[in-house]
Amino acid sequence: MIGIFLITHGTLGESLIQCACHVLNKRPAQIAQLGLSGQDDPLDMLPIARDMLGWVDNGHGVLMLTDIYGATPSNVAAKLLDPGHIEGIAGVNLPMLLRVLTYRERDMQTLVQRAVTGGCDGVLHIK
């Protein structure tokens, strides 16, 4: 099973995990989150993020989800990438997270594709 690691601003990651728990009626295995604040030094957070990445990696890889591309959480995640094993996606939302949790038994390439599609397809104009 591919591990899931959210690196986000503040409590967004934990809030998304809690929402997924509500929808799934359980806390998924191999999922962790690291919330960064404006006071956090990215260089200090990198070793913490690396340790947490190990918590969810059972050898099948980890998909990291961040909120805003180019912001501190995604910059920390970018330093941890290992193509094919540790992948990252920015723009996390609840539909994306639910899609990831549904397809994490598949290979990394399929999971990344389904995550991006799920995140984009979850954005709709309500009429």
Protein backbone atom coordinates (compact mmCIF):
# COMPACT_ATOMS: atom_id res chain seq x y z
CA MET A 1 0.00 0.00 0.00
CA ILE A 2 1.32 3.45 -0.91
CA GLY A 3 1.67 5.76 2.08
CA ILE A 4 0.08 9.21 2.16
CA PHE A 5 1.84 12.25 3.66
CA LEU A 6 0.19 15.68 3.70
CA ILE A 7 2.39 18.75 4.16
CA THR A 8 0.20 21.83 4.39
CA HIS A 9 -0.24 25.25 5.93
CA GLY A 10 -1.48 25.14 9.51
CA THR A 11 -4.09 22.53 10.33
CA LEU A 12 -5.37 22.00 6.78
CA GLY A 13 -3.81 18.54 6.48
CA GLU A 14 -5.28 17.26 9.73
CA SER A 15 -8.67 18.75 8.83
CA LEU A 16 -8.65 16.95 5.48
CA ILE A 17 -7.71 13.68 7.19
CA GLN A 18 -10.51 14.14 9.72
CA CYS A 19 -13.01 14.77 6.91
CA ALA A 20 -11.81 11.63 5.11
CA CYS A 21 -12.21 9.68 8.36
CA HIS A 22 -15.79 10.91 8.58
CA VAL A 23 -16.56 9.85 5.00
CA LEU A 24 -14.80 6.47 5.34
CA ASN A 25 -15.96 5.90 8.93
CA LYS A 26 -12.39 5.02 9.99
CA ARG A 27 -8.89 6.46 10.03
CA PRO A 28 -6.94 5.14 7.06
CA ALA A 29 -3.64 3.34 7.65
CA GLN A 30 -0.27 4.79 6.65
CA ILE A 31 -1.31 8.44 6.59
CA ALA A 32 0.40 11.37 8.32
CA GLN A 33 0.38 15.13 8.11
CA LEU A 34 2.74 17.96 8.91
CA GLY A 35 1.29 21.43 9.34
CA LEU A 36 3.67 24.35 8.85
CA SER A 37 3.20 27.81 10.30
CA GLY A 38 4.65 31.14 9.25
CA GLN A 39 7.13 30.93 12.12
CA ASP A 40 8.59 27.58 11.00
CA ASP A 41 12.00 27.59 9.35
CA PRO A 42 11.84 25.26 6.33
CA LEU A 43 15.38 24.05 7.00
CA ASP A 44 14.35 23.04 10.53
CA MET A 45 11.21 21.31 9.24
CA LEU A 46 12.96 19.26 6.56
CA PRO A 47 14.46 16.63 8.93
CA ILE A 48 11.10 16.35 10.73
CA ALA A 49 9.33 15.85 7.39
CA ARG A 50 11.92 13.25 6.36
CA ASP A 51 11.34 11.31 9.60
CA MET A 52 7.56 11.46 9.18
CA LEU A 53 7.88 10.27 5.60
CA GLY A 54 9.49 7.12 6.98
CA TRP A 55 6.47 6.52 9.22
CA VAL A 56 4.18 5.96 6.22
CA ASP A 57 6.60 4.27 3.80
CA ASN A 58 6.42 0.49 4.00
CA GLY A 59 8.53 0.10 0.86
CA HIS A 60 5.78 0.71 -1.71
CA GLY A 61 6.34 4.46 -1.85
CA VAL A 62 4.67 7.59 -0.57
CA LEU A 63 2.48 10.18 -2.23
CA MET A 64 2.92 13.62 -0.67
CA LEU A 65 0.04 16.08 -0.98
CA THR A 66 0.54 19.81 -0.42
CA ASP A 67 -1.75 22.79 -0.70
CA ILE A 68 -0.17 25.61 -2.73
CA TYR A 69 2.56 25.01 -5.31
CA GLY A 70 5.59 27.18 -4.61
CA ALA A 71 4.69 27.84 -0.97
CA THR A 72 6.75 26.55 1.95
CA PRO A 73 4.92 23.20 2.34
CA SER A 74 5.41 22.30 -1.33
CA ASN A 75 9.02 23.50 -1.21
CA VAL A 76 9.70 21.18 1.75
CA ALA A 77 7.96 18.32 -0.09
CA ALA A 78 10.00 19.01 -3.24
CA LYS A 79 13.21 18.36 -1.31
CA LEU A 80 11.94 14.87 -0.41
CA LEU A 81 10.96 13.70 -3.89
CA ASP A 82 12.38 10.46 -5.25
CA PRO A 83 10.73 9.90 -8.66
CA GLY A 84 8.77 6.67 -8.82
CA HIS A 85 8.98 6.14 -5.07
CA ILE A 86 8.22 9.48 -3.37
CA GLU A 87 5.94 11.63 -5.53
CA GLY A 88 4.26 14.96 -4.78
CA ILE A 89 1.12 16.77 -5.87
CA ALA A 90 0.14 20.35 -5.02
CA GLY A 91 -3.44 21.61 -4.77
CA VAL A 92 -4.75 19.03 -2.33
CA ASN A 93 -8.48 19.02 -1.67
CA LEU A 94 -10.89 16.53 -0.13
CA PRO A 95 -11.96 14.91 -3.43
CA MET A 96 -8.27 14.35 -4.25
CA LEU A 97 -7.56 12.82 -0.84
CA LEU A 98 -10.56 10.49 -1.08
CA ARG A 99 -9.47 9.39 -4.56
CA VAL A 100 -5.94 8.73 -3.26
CA LEU A 101 -7.26 6.66 -0.39
CA THR A 102 -9.38 4.64 -2.84
CA TYR A 103 -6.59 3.85 -5.34
CA ARG A 104 -3.50 3.52 -3.13
CA GLU A 105 -3.26 -0.24 -3.69
CA ARG A 106 -2.36 0.43 -7.33
CA ASP A 107 1.01 1.55 -8.72
CA MET A 108 2.39 5.05 -8.14
CA GLN A 109 1.79 6.29 -11.71
CA THR A 110 -1.88 5.28 -11.58
CA LEU A 111 -2.27 6.81 -8.12
CA VAL A 112 -0.79 10.15 -9.21
CA GLN A 113 -3.03 10.24 -12.28
CA ARG A 114 -6.18 9.38 -10.27
CA ALA A 115 -5.27 11.93 -7.58
CA VAL A 116 -4.93 14.80 -10.04
CA THR A 117 -8.09 13.78 -11.90
CA GLY A 118 -10.03 13.42 -8.64
CA GLY A 119 -8.88 16.81 -7.41
CA CYS A 120 -9.81 18.54 -10.67
CA ASP A 121 -13.10 16.70 -11.12
CA GLY A 122 -14.07 17.68 -7.59
CA VAL A 123 -14.10 21.38 -8.56
CA LEU A 124 -17.52 22.20 -10.01
CA HIS A 125 -19.71 25.23 -10.48
CA ILE A 126 -22.89 24.60 -8.48
CA LYS A 127 -25.88 25.91 -10.38
